[in-house]
N, C-alpha and C. Protein backbone atom coordinates (compact mmCIF):
# COMPACT_ATOMS: atom_id res chain seq x y z
N UNK A 1 0.82 -1.26 0.33
CA UNK A 1 0.20 -0.28 -0.07
C UNK A 1 0.66 1.21 0.00
N UNK A 2 0.26 2.10 -0.53
CA UNK A 2 1.44 3.73 -0.42
C UNK A 2 -0.10 4.25 -0.56
N UNK A 3 -0.68 5.79 -1.18
CA UNK A 3 -1.16 6.67 -0.77
C UNK A 3 -1.97 6.94 -2.52
N UNK A 4 -3.40 6.73 -2.26
CA UNK A 4 -3.83 7.73 -3.00
C UNK A 4 -5.10 8.35 -2.46
N UNK A 5 -4.87 9.80 -3.23
CA UNK A 5 -5.79 10.66 -2.91
C UNK A 5 -6.78 11.18 -3.61
N UNK A 6 -8.16 11.22 -3.33
CA UNK A 6 -9.36 11.27 -4.66
C UNK A 6 -10.08 12.54 -3.90
N UNK A 7 -10.47 13.17 -4.82
CA UNK A 7 -11.83 14.50 -3.98
C UNK A 7 -12.85 14.36 -5.30
N UNK A 8 -13.83 14.27 -5.09
CA UNK A 8 -15.13 14.66 -5.48
C UNK A 8 -16.08 15.57 -5.15
N UNK A 9 -15.77 16.85 -5.74
CA UNK A 9 -16.86 17.85 -5.49
C UNK A 9 -17.23 18.28 -6.81
N UNK A 10 -16.89 19.35 -7.27
CA UNK A 10 -17.38 20.75 -9.17
C UNK A 10 -16.81 19.96 -9.95
N UNK A 11 -15.53 19.38 -9.73
CA UNK A 11 -14.54 18.37 -10.46
C UNK A 11 -14.20 17.12 -9.77
N UNK A 12 -13.54 16.41 -10.04
CA UNK A 12 -13.27 15.56 -9.70
C UNK A 12 -11.20 14.89 -9.81
N UNK A 13 -10.77 14.70 -8.80
CA UNK A 13 -9.13 14.98 -8.98
C UNK A 13 -8.86 13.55 -8.34
N UNK A 14 -7.98 12.96 -8.59
CA UNK A 14 -7.07 11.91 -7.79
C UNK A 14 -5.59 11.79 -8.19
N UNK A 15 -5.03 11.08 -7.38
CA UNK A 15 -3.64 11.37 -7.55
C UNK A 15 -2.90 10.00 -6.63
N UNK A 16 -2.20 9.47 -7.27
CA UNK A 16 -1.41 8.31 -7.00
C UNK A 16 -0.05 7.77 -7.20
N UNK A 17 0.67 7.93 -5.74
CA UNK A 17 2.12 7.54 -6.54
C UNK A 17 1.94 6.09 -6.88
N UNK A 18 3.68 5.35 -7.57
CA UNK A 18 4.00 4.70 -8.37
C UNK A 18 4.69 3.53 -7.90
N UNK A 19 4.99 3.39 -6.71
CA UNK A 19 5.38 1.98 -6.02
C UNK A 19 4.83 1.36 -5.51
N UNK A 20 5.80 0.06 -5.86
CA UNK A 20 5.44 -1.10 -5.32
C UNK A 20 6.54 -2.12 -4.85
N UNK A 21 6.09 -2.46 -3.72
CA UNK A 21 6.90 -2.80 -2.88
C UNK A 21 6.71 -4.65 -2.40
N UNK A 22 7.81 -6.01 -3.06
CA UNK A 22 7.08 -7.23 -2.77
C UNK A 22 8.05 -7.48 -1.77
N UNK A 23 7.53 -8.42 -0.59
CA UNK A 23 8.70 -9.18 0.46
C UNK A 23 8.72 -10.53 0.03
N UNK A 24 9.91 -10.96 0.20
CA UNK A 24 9.80 -12.52 -0.08
C UNK A 24 10.59 -12.62 0.93
N UNK A 25 9.87 -14.08 1.66
CA UNK A 25 10.62 -14.88 2.82
C UNK A 25 9.49 -14.09 4.31
N UNK A 26 10.23 -14.40 5.22
CA UNK A 26 9.68 -13.66 6.61
C UNK A 26 10.21 -12.07 6.89
N UNK A 27 9.34 -11.10 6.55
CA UNK A 27 9.63 -9.80 6.53
C UNK A 27 8.39 -9.42 7.23
N UNK A 28 7.75 -9.75 8.14
CA UNK A 28 7.33 -9.22 9.34
C UNK A 28 7.96 -7.96 9.60
N UNK A 29 8.66 -8.01 10.67
CA UNK A 29 9.43 -6.81 11.38
C UNK A 29 9.47 -5.36 10.20
N UNK A 30 10.19 -6.09 9.18
CA UNK A 30 10.67 -4.81 8.52
C UNK A 30 9.15 -4.28 7.47
N UNK A 31 8.24 -5.14 7.85
CA UNK A 31 7.07 -3.92 6.69
C UNK A 31 6.42 -3.78 7.97
N UNK A 32 6.54 -4.17 9.31
CA UNK A 32 6.26 -3.35 10.66
C UNK A 32 6.80 -2.25 10.80
N UNK A 33 7.74 -2.12 10.66
CA UNK A 33 8.84 -0.78 10.91
C UNK A 33 8.31 0.01 9.45
N UNK A 34 8.07 -0.43 8.16
CA UNK A 34 8.09 0.29 7.27
C UNK A 34 6.80 1.41 7.32
N UNK A 35 5.33 0.46 7.64
CA UNK A 35 4.34 0.62 7.37
C UNK A 35 3.86 1.62 8.84
N UNK A 36 4.52 1.95 9.90
CA UNK A 36 4.53 2.47 10.92
C UNK A 36 5.39 3.80 10.57
N UNK A 37 6.28 4.04 10.15
CA UNK A 37 6.29 5.28 9.28
C UNK A 37 7.85 4.95 10.29
N UNK A 38 8.19 3.91 10.58
CA UNK A 38 9.61 4.46 11.40
C UNK A 38 10.37 4.46 10.52
N UNK A 39 10.51 4.22 9.45
CA UNK A 39 11.83 4.11 7.69
C UNK A 39 11.41 5.10 7.18
N UNK A 40 12.32 6.16 6.90
CA UNK A 40 11.69 7.28 6.61
C UNK A 40 12.21 7.85 4.86
N UNK A 41 12.98 6.72 4.56
CA UNK A 41 13.91 6.61 2.81
C UNK A 41 14.14 5.22 2.56
N UNK A 42 14.55 5.55 1.16
CA UNK A 42 14.96 4.32 0.56
C UNK A 42 16.14 3.72 1.21
N UNK A 43 17.24 4.22 1.39
CA UNK A 43 18.90 3.81 2.07
C UNK A 43 18.10 3.51 3.41
N UNK A 44 17.42 3.88 4.14
CA UNK A 44 17.14 3.54 5.11
C UNK A 44 16.56 2.44 5.41
N UNK A 45 15.51 1.89 4.14
CA UNK A 45 14.60 1.04 4.31
C UNK A 45 15.70 -0.21 3.51
N UNK A 46 16.45 -0.23 2.95
CA UNK A 46 17.43 -1.18 2.15
C UNK A 46 18.72 -1.47 3.08
N UNK A 47 18.84 -0.75 4.26
CA UNK A 47 19.97 -0.95 4.74
C UNK A 47 19.23 -1.62 6.15
N UNK A 48 17.96 -1.50 6.55
CA UNK A 48 17.26 -1.97 7.44
C UNK A 48 17.18 -3.50 6.96
N UNK A 49 16.65 -3.65 5.73
CA UNK A 49 16.44 -5.08 5.02
C UNK A 49 17.64 -5.93 4.99
N UNK A 50 18.75 -5.04 5.19
CA UNK A 50 19.79 -6.14 5.03
C UNK A 50 20.22 -6.47 5.97
N UNK A 51 20.29 -5.84 7.17
CA UNK A 51 20.01 -6.03 8.95
C UNK A 51 19.15 -7.27 9.00
N UNK A 52 17.99 -7.57 8.78
CA UNK A 52 17.35 -8.48 9.19
C UNK A 52 17.41 -9.65 7.87
N UNK A 53 18.45 -9.23 6.89
CA UNK A 53 18.34 -10.45 6.03
C UNK A 53 16.92 -10.79 5.00
N UNK A 54 16.29 -9.76 4.88
CA UNK A 54 15.04 -9.61 4.10
C UNK A 54 15.04 -9.47 2.77
N UNK A 55 14.65 -9.93 1.74
CA UNK A 55 14.74 -9.73 0.59
C UNK A 55 13.25 -8.82 -0.03
N UNK A 56 13.75 -7.71 -0.67
CA UNK A 56 12.59 -6.91 -0.99
C UNK A 56 13.04 -6.24 -2.54
N UNK A 57 11.56 -6.50 -3.30
CA UNK A 57 11.84 -5.90 -4.39
C UNK A 57 11.06 -4.51 -4.66
N UNK A 58 11.59 -3.38 -5.18
CA UNK A 58 11.13 -1.91 -5.40
C UNK A 58 10.82 -1.68 -6.32
N UNK A 59 9.33 -1.30 -7.17
CA UNK A 59 9.43 -0.63 -8.30
C UNK A 59 8.96 0.36 -8.23
N UNK A 60 9.03 0.82 -8.94
CA UNK A 60 8.38 2.75 -8.86
C UNK A 60 7.59 3.00 -10.42
N UNK A 61 7.13 2.09 -10.95
CA UNK A 61 6.34 2.10 -12.78
C UNK A 61 5.12 1.65 -12.49
N UNK A 62 4.34 1.67 -10.89
CA UNK A 62 3.28 0.71 -10.88
C UNK A 62 1.95 1.90 -11.02
N UNK A 63 1.51 2.36 -12.11
CA UNK A 63 0.18 3.08 -11.87
C UNK A 63 -1.05 2.65 -11.16
N UNK A 64 -1.48 3.33 -10.07
CA UNK A 64 -2.53 3.54 -9.36
C UNK A 64 -3.76 3.94 -9.63
N UNK A 65 -3.95 5.29 -10.14
CA UNK A 65 -4.66 5.78 -10.76
C UNK A 65 -4.81 6.26 -12.14
N UNK A 66 -6.01 5.83 -13.19
CA UNK A 66 -6.55 6.01 -14.18
C UNK A 66 -7.71 6.52 -14.53
N UNK A 67 -8.05 6.93 -15.90
CA UNK A 67 -9.31 7.73 -16.18
C UNK A 67 -9.67 6.61 -17.26
N UNK A 68 -11.41 6.16 -16.69
CA UNK A 68 -12.08 5.30 -17.47
C UNK A 68 -13.61 5.81 -17.66
N UNK A 69 -13.45 6.66 -19.04
CA UNK A 69 -14.21 7.58 -19.70
C UNK A 69 -14.41 8.59 -18.52
N UNK A 70 -15.60 9.14 -17.92
CA UNK A 70 -15.80 10.41 -17.02
C UNK A 70 -15.52 9.66 -15.29
N UNK A 71 -14.92 8.73 -15.50
CA UNK A 71 -14.85 8.07 -14.29
C UNK A 71 -12.96 8.09 -13.88
N UNK A 72 -12.48 8.98 -12.72
CA UNK A 72 -11.12 8.52 -12.08
C UNK A 72 -11.17 6.84 -11.29
N UNK A 73 -10.37 6.60 -11.50
CA UNK A 73 -9.88 5.14 -10.35
C UNK A 73 -8.45 5.05 -9.66
N UNK A 74 -8.64 4.81 -8.28
CA UNK A 74 -7.18 4.76 -8.16
C UNK A 74 -7.51 3.43 -7.02
N UNK A 75 -6.52 2.74 -6.67
CA UNK A 75 -6.59 1.34 -6.14
C UNK A 75 -5.18 1.53 -5.09
N UNK A 76 -5.46 0.82 -4.11
CA UNK A 76 -4.37 0.33 -3.17
C UNK A 76 -4.19 -1.25 -3.42
N UNK A 77 -3.43 -2.10 -3.01
CA UNK A 77 -3.38 -3.27 -3.02
C UNK A 77 -2.13 -3.80 -1.65
N UNK A 78 -2.41 -4.72 -1.49
CA UNK A 78 -1.80 -5.90 -0.29
C UNK A 78 -1.94 -7.19 -0.89
N UNK A 79 -1.49 -8.18 -1.51
CA UNK A 79 -0.84 -9.31 -1.75
C UNK A 79 -0.30 -10.02 -1.27
N UNK A 80 -0.37 -11.42 -0.30
CA UNK A 80 0.43 -12.47 0.46
C UNK A 80 0.46 -13.43 -0.66
N UNK A 81 0.81 -14.25 0.09
CA UNK A 81 1.18 -15.97 -0.94
C UNK A 81 -0.56 -16.29 -0.35
N UNK A 82 -1.13 -15.53 0.73
CA UNK A 82 -2.17 -16.38 0.93
C UNK A 82 -3.59 -15.34 0.60
N UNK A 83 -3.57 -14.94 0.14
CA UNK A 83 -4.97 -13.96 -0.02
C UNK A 83 -4.31 -12.69 -0.96
N UNK A 84 -5.50 -11.96 -1.38
CA UNK A 84 -5.05 -10.97 -2.20
C UNK A 84 -6.06 -9.89 -1.96
N UNK A 85 -5.68 -8.73 -1.48
CA UNK A 85 -6.32 -7.84 -0.95
C UNK A 85 -6.62 -6.34 -1.94
N UNK A 86 -7.58 -5.34 -2.39
CA UNK A 86 -7.44 -4.51 -2.61
C UNK A 86 -8.56 -3.50 -2.67
N UNK A 87 -8.08 -2.32 -1.98
CA UNK A 87 -9.15 -1.16 -1.90
C UNK A 87 -9.35 -0.46 -3.30
N UNK A 88 -10.47 0.01 -3.46
CA UNK A 88 -10.54 0.70 -4.90
C UNK A 88 -11.84 1.62 -4.96
N UNK A 89 -11.12 3.05 -5.44
CA UNK A 89 -12.02 4.16 -5.15
C UNK A 89 -12.88 4.68 -6.28
N UNK A 90 -13.49 4.84 -6.95
CA UNK A 90 -14.25 5.20 -8.27
C UNK A 90 -14.69 6.95 -7.56
N UNK A 91 -14.38 7.98 -8.55
CA UNK A 91 -14.90 9.18 -8.60
C UNK A 91 -15.02 9.72 -9.48
N UNK A 92 -15.99 10.92 -9.70
CA UNK A 92 -16.42 12.00 -10.53
C UNK A 92 -16.98 13.37 -10.28
N UNK A 93 -17.32 13.96 -10.67
CA UNK A 93 -17.69 15.17 -10.51
C UNK A 93 -18.66 15.08 -9.49
N UNK A 94 -18.80 14.69 -7.97
CA UNK A 94 -19.67 15.08 -7.21
C UNK A 94 -20.52 13.84 -6.56
N UNK A 95 -19.51 12.39 -6.98
CA UNK A 95 -20.14 11.47 -6.45
C UNK A 95 -18.52 10.37 -6.26
N UNK A 96 -18.80 9.60 -5.41
CA UNK A 96 -17.47 8.63 -4.89
C UNK A 96 -17.98 7.34 -4.80
N UNK A 97 -17.12 6.13 -4.88
CA UNK A 97 -17.75 5.35 -5.00
C UNK A 97 -16.43 4.22 -4.07
N UNK A 98 -16.41 3.72 -2.91
CA UNK A 98 -15.09 2.69 -2.62
C UNK A 98 -15.68 1.42 -2.21
N UNK A 99 -14.42 0.55 -3.06
CA UNK A 99 -15.18 -0.89 -2.90
C UNK A 99 -13.75 -1.41 -2.57
N UNK A 100 -13.80 -2.48 -1.83
CA UNK A 100 -13.04 -3.40 -1.02
C UNK A 100 -13.17 -5.16 -1.99
N UNK A 101 -12.23 -5.75 -2.65
CA UNK A 101 -11.81 -6.87 -3.27
C UNK A 101 -11.24 -7.61 -2.08
N UNK A 102 -11.68 -8.81 -1.46
CA UNK A 102 -11.19 -9.46 -1.43
C UNK A 102 -10.90 -11.07 -1.56
N UNK A 103 -10.01 -11.55 -2.29
CA UNK A 103 -9.79 -12.87 -3.08
C UNK A 103 -10.70 -12.78 -3.77
N UNK A 104 -10.77 -11.99 -4.84
CA UNK A 104 -12.02 -12.19 -5.96
C UNK A 104 -13.35 -11.54 -5.36
N UNK A 105 -13.72 -11.25 -4.24
CA UNK A 105 -14.95 -11.30 -3.72
C UNK A 105 -15.44 -9.58 -3.75
N UNK A 106 -15.99 -8.85 -4.03
CA UNK A 106 -15.90 -7.29 -3.84
C UNK A 106 -17.15 -7.00 -3.02
N UNK A 107 -17.23 -6.02 -2.56
CA UNK A 107 -18.29 -5.59 -1.88
C UNK A 107 -17.96 -3.93 -1.71
N UNK A 108 -19.06 -2.86 -1.62
CA UNK A 108 -18.83 -1.79 -1.77
C UNK A 108 -18.87 -1.55 -0.40
N UNK A 109 -17.88 -0.75 0.25
CA UNK A 109 -17.54 -0.65 1.49
C UNK A 109 -18.22 1.01 2.07
N UNK A 110 -18.13 2.06 0.81
CA UNK A 110 -18.80 3.72 0.90
C UNK A 110 -18.95 3.98 -0.12
N UNK A 111 -20.08 5.32 -0.57
CA UNK A 111 -20.38 6.03 -1.33
C UNK A 111 -21.27 7.38 -0.81
N UNK A 112 -20.89 8.12 -1.60
CA UNK A 112 -21.16 9.32 -1.39
C UNK A 112 -21.26 10.51 -2.13
N UNK A 113 -21.58 11.63 -1.72
CA UNK A 113 -21.10 13.14 -2.90
C UNK A 113 -20.14 13.57 -2.69
N UNK A 114 -20.43 14.78 -2.57
CA UNK A 114 -18.88 15.52 -2.41
C UNK A 114 -18.24 15.34 -1.33
N UNK A 115 -16.77 14.83 -1.72
CA UNK A 115 -16.07 13.94 -0.50
C UNK A 115 -14.26 14.33 -0.97
N UNK A 116 -13.56 14.05 0.28
CA UNK A 116 -12.39 13.70 0.03
C UNK A 116 -11.94 12.29 0.64
N UNK A 117 -11.18 11.43 -0.10
CA UNK A 117 -11.15 10.22 0.35
C UNK A 117 -9.19 9.88 0.17
N UNK A 118 -8.82 9.12 1.16
CA UNK A 118 -7.39 8.98 0.99
C UNK A 118 -7.32 7.71 1.62
N UNK A 119 -6.22 7.10 0.59
CA UNK A 119 -6.12 5.31 0.52
C UNK A 119 -5.19 5.12 0.90
N UNK A 120 -4.49 4.39 2.14
CA UNK A 120 -2.83 3.90 1.73
C UNK A 120 -3.07 3.35 3.17
N UNK A 121 -1.68 2.62 3.58
CA UNK A 121 -1.20 2.70 4.58
C UNK A 121 -1.72 3.45 5.85
N UNK A 122 -1.38 3.50 7.46
CA UNK A 122 -2.14 3.95 8.20
C UNK A 122 -1.11 5.40 8.18
N UNK A 123 0.08 5.13 8.15
CA UNK A 123 0.99 6.25 8.52
C UNK A 123 0.69 7.27 7.16
N UNK A 124 0.93 6.95 5.87
CA UNK A 124 0.81 7.93 4.78
C UNK A 124 -1.14 8.45 5.15
N UNK A 125 -2.02 8.19 5.29
CA UNK A 125 -3.14 8.32 5.58
C UNK A 125 -2.94 9.59 6.66
N UNK A 126 -2.70 9.55 7.81
CA UNK A 126 -2.07 10.16 8.65
C UNK A 126 -1.71 11.29 8.73
N UNK A 127 -0.41 11.21 7.57
CA UNK A 127 0.26 12.44 6.83
C UNK A 127 -0.49 13.00 6.16
N UNK A 128 -1.13 12.61 5.15
CA UNK A 128 -1.91 13.26 3.83
C UNK A 128 -3.05 14.05 4.63
N UNK A 129 -3.53 13.48 5.87
CA UNK A 129 -4.94 14.26 6.45
C UNK A 129 -4.29 15.49 7.23
N UNK A 130 -3.11 15.52 7.98
CA UNK A 130 -2.49 16.24 8.29
C UNK A 130 -2.22 17.83 7.71
N UNK A 131 -1.61 17.35 6.48
CA UNK A 131 -1.01 18.31 5.14
C UNK A 131 -2.44 18.81 4.37
N UNK A 132 -3.27 17.83 4.65
CA UNK A 132 -4.48 18.71 4.11
C UNK A 132 -5.62 19.78 4.99
N UNK A 133 -5.16 19.39 6.17
CA UNK A 133 -5.70 20.10 7.06
C UNK A 133 -5.74 21.74 6.96
N UNK A 134 -4.57 22.08 6.76
CA UNK A 134 -4.08 23.52 6.62
C UNK A 134 -4.41 24.20 5.31
N UNK A 135 -4.93 23.47 4.39
CA UNK A 135 -4.50 24.24 3.17
C UNK A 135 -5.88 24.55 2.89
N UNK A 136 -7.26 24.60 3.39
CA UNK A 136 -8.24 25.25 3.06
C UNK A 136 -9.01 24.44 1.59
N UNK A 137 -8.84 25.59 0.73
CA UNK A 137 -9.65 24.68 -0.36
C UNK A 137 -9.07 23.26 -1.12
N UNK A 138 -9.55 22.57 -1.22
CA UNK A 138 -8.96 21.33 -2.03
C UNK A 138 -9.25 21.68 -3.51
N UNK A 139 -7.84 21.47 -4.10
CA UNK A 139 -7.42 21.41 -5.35
C UNK A 139 -6.90 20.52 -5.91
N UNK A 140 -6.45 20.52 -7.20
CA UNK A 140 -5.51 19.51 -7.80
C UNK A 140 -4.06 19.99 -7.44
N UNK A 141 -3.80 21.48 -7.85
CA UNK A 141 -2.45 21.86 -6.59
C UNK A 141 -2.33 21.60 -5.30
N UNK A 142 -3.12 21.77 -4.40
CA UNK A 142 -3.32 21.18 -3.08
C UNK A 142 -2.82 19.92 -3.09
N UNK A 143 -3.79 19.17 -3.54
CA UNK A 143 -3.64 17.23 -3.50
C UNK A 143 -2.09 17.28 -4.31
N UNK A 144 -1.48 17.76 -5.10
CA UNK A 144 -0.19 17.11 -5.62
C UNK A 144 0.99 17.72 -4.64
N UNK A 145 0.58 19.28 -3.79
CA UNK A 145 1.61 19.51 -2.76
C UNK A 145 1.72 18.32 -1.72
N UNK A 146 0.54 18.33 -0.94
CA UNK A 146 0.57 17.01 -0.40
C UNK A 146 1.32 15.54 -0.54
N UNK A 147 1.02 15.25 -1.89
CA UNK A 147 1.80 13.68 -2.24
C UNK A 147 2.86 14.57 -2.23
N UNK A 148 3.59 15.77 -2.94
CA UNK A 148 5.22 15.74 -2.94
C UNK A 148 5.79 15.16 -1.09
N UNK A 149 4.77 16.13 -0.20
CA UNK A 149 5.30 16.52 1.31
C UNK A 149 5.30 15.28 1.59
N UNK A 150 4.20 14.19 1.24
CA UNK A 150 3.85 12.71 2.39
C UNK A 150 5.32 11.89 1.82
N UNK A 151 5.78 12.23 0.45
CA UNK A 151 6.56 11.16 -0.07
C UNK A 151 7.61 11.46 0.16
N UNK A 152 8.19 12.86 0.65
CA UNK A 152 9.52 12.89 1.33
C UNK A 152 9.75 12.34 2.86
N UNK A 153 8.94 12.21 3.25
CA UNK A 153 8.95 11.37 4.77
C UNK A 153 8.37 9.93 4.82
N UNK A 154 8.26 9.07 4.00
CA UNK A 154 8.53 7.75 3.63
C UNK A 154 8.87 7.40 2.54
N UNK A 155 9.32 5.60 2.71
CA UNK A 155 9.81 4.59 1.56
C UNK A 155 8.84 4.04 1.46
N UNK A 156 7.53 4.24 1.54
CA UNK A 156 6.55 3.50 1.19
C UNK A 156 6.25 3.92 -0.56
N UNK A 157 6.28 5.21 -0.74
CA UNK A 157 5.56 5.77 -1.40
C UNK A 157 6.49 6.42 -2.40
N UNK A 158 6.50 6.41 -3.50
CA UNK A 158 7.71 7.07 -4.80
C UNK A 158 7.86 8.39 -4.54
N UNK A 159 8.99 8.79 -5.17
CA UNK A 159 8.90 10.59 -5.31
C UNK A 159 7.67 11.80 -6.62
N UNK A 160 7.84 10.42 -7.24
CA UNK A 160 7.19 10.50 -8.72
C UNK A 160 5.26 10.54 -8.18
N UNK A 161 4.71 10.91 -8.62
CA UNK A 161 3.16 10.87 -8.39
C UNK A 161 1.88 11.03 -10.17
N UNK A 162 0.92 10.05 -10.21
CA UNK A 162 -0.09 10.45 -10.95
C UNK A 162 -1.11 11.33 -10.91
N UNK A 163 -1.44 12.49 -11.34
CA UNK A 163 -2.26 13.10 -11.16
C UNK A 163 -3.29 13.68 -11.98
N UNK A 164 -4.65 13.14 -11.88
CA UNK A 164 -5.69 13.39 -13.02
C UNK A 164 -6.91 14.18 -12.41
N UNK A 165 -7.78 14.96 -13.62
CA UNK A 165 -8.80 15.56 -12.87
C UNK A 165 -9.66 15.42 -14.00
N UNK A 166 -10.95 15.69 -13.84
CA UNK A 166 -11.97 16.28 -14.52
C UNK A 166 -13.34 16.76 -14.34
N UNK A 167 -13.78 17.32 -15.26
CA UNK A 167 -14.85 18.13 -14.81
C UNK A 167 -16.34 17.87 -15.73
N UNK A 168 -16.77 16.50 -16.28
CA UNK A 168 -17.53 16.36 -16.39
C UNK A 168 -18.59 16.12 -15.44
N UNK A 169 -20.14 16.45 -15.53
CA UNK A 169 -21.02 16.33 -14.82
C UNK A 169 -22.10 15.73 -15.62
N UNK A 170 -22.68 15.26 -14.66
CA UNK A 170 -23.75 13.72 -14.81
C UNK A 170 -25.07 14.29 -13.90
N UNK A 171 -26.19 14.50 -14.64
CA UNK A 171 -27.30 14.19 -13.60
C UNK A 171 -27.76 13.06 -12.58
N UNK A 172 -26.99 11.86 -13.17
CA UNK A 172 -27.20 10.90 -11.73
C UNK A 172 -25.22 10.44 -11.57
N UNK A 173 -24.30 10.96 -11.36
CA UNK A 173 -23.11 10.56 -11.20
C UNK A 173 -23.16 9.43 -10.15
N UNK A 174 -23.73 8.92 -9.42
CA UNK A 174 -23.75 7.73 -8.77
C UNK A 174 -23.82 6.40 -9.48
N UNK A 175 -24.47 6.97 -10.53
CA UNK A 175 -25.12 5.38 -11.77
C UNK A 175 -23.95 4.81 -12.85
N UNK A 176 -23.40 6.82 -13.04
CA UNK A 176 -21.80 6.43 -13.51
C UNK A 176 -21.13 5.71 -12.73
N UNK A 177 -20.75 5.94 -11.46
CA UNK A 177 -19.77 5.08 -11.00
C UNK A 177 -20.29 3.30 -10.87
N UNK A 178 -21.56 3.33 -10.67
CA UNK A 178 -21.86 1.73 -10.41
C UNK A 178 -21.47 1.16 -11.88
N UNK A 179 -21.96 1.79 -12.85
CA UNK A 179 -22.06 1.36 -14.38
C UNK A 179 -20.35 1.06 -14.46
N UNK A 180 -19.39 1.79 -14.33
CA UNK A 180 -17.79 1.43 -14.27
C UNK A 180 -17.48 0.22 -13.38
N UNK A 181 -17.94 0.23 -11.97
CA UNK A 181 -17.98 -0.75 -11.10
C UNK A 181 -18.47 -1.88 -11.67
N UNK A 182 -19.48 -2.41 -12.02
CA UNK A 182 -19.76 -3.05 -12.67
C UNK A 182 -19.05 -4.16 -13.41
N UNK A 183 -18.80 -3.05 -14.65
CA UNK A 183 -17.96 -3.39 -15.91
C UNK A 183 -16.45 -3.91 -15.12
N UNK A 184 -15.51 -3.51 -14.49
CA UNK A 184 -14.56 -3.39 -13.65
C UNK A 184 -15.07 -5.06 -13.05
N UNK A 185 -15.91 -5.51 -12.69
CA UNK A 185 -16.39 -6.95 -11.75
C UNK A 185 -16.58 -7.57 -13.17
N UNK A 186 -17.24 -7.63 -13.84
CA UNK A 186 -17.20 -8.92 -15.60
C UNK A 186 -15.80 -8.71 -15.93
N UNK A 187 -15.11 -7.31 -16.25
CA UNK A 187 -13.73 -7.63 -16.83
C UNK A 187 -12.81 -8.48 -15.74
N UNK A 188 -12.50 -8.33 -14.28
CA UNK A 188 -11.80 -8.96 -13.69
C UNK A 188 -12.25 -9.77 -12.74
N UNK A 189 -13.62 -10.34 -13.10
CA UNK A 189 -14.29 -11.50 -12.76
C UNK A 189 -14.09 -11.65 -11.11
N UNK A 190 -14.70 -10.56 -10.77
CA UNK A 190 -15.13 -10.57 -9.43
C UNK A 190 -16.26 -10.88 -9.08
N UNK A 191 -16.71 -10.93 -7.88
CA UNK A 191 -18.28 -11.61 -7.62
C UNK A 191 -18.47 -10.83 -6.16
N UNK A 192 -19.97 -10.34 -6.71
CA UNK A 192 -20.44 -9.85 -5.87
C UNK A 192 -21.26 -9.64 -4.60
């Protein structure tokens, strides 16, 4: 997990970092230190992995946010040998939908109108929430600044991020989100 920030209001904005970290073997202590915020940068992460004889693979090329028509989609994932979990947010101007998918079973866990949604591990969510509190109006620029600020203090995020926005308006934005989610269920083979 890393960080995805989504906003649905008069416009829809979404941003996500590009980091993917895979752990091989018993890396529980390293994961705990990393996701609690005790490891602040890549140098520290690699040093600590070496100390614990943990094997990790880091890639900064995974897109976690994308556009599907008039809907912006963002996703954070957690994959282990025994299970697969993903949390996905769908946003368009005026509405959002949050979906949890565990081992191929999809469940809607949140929906609503204008809102700010933050997905990620506890440390990045808390840091983003604090950074957003003092910004006043939420905008694409504000979200970009928060992504930069949070990524500077953690090794769970890439320093680069993707930011997308749309201004399309629909009479029933919630139905547009449900249509996109339904197509994803079909395409991905998820069960409702």
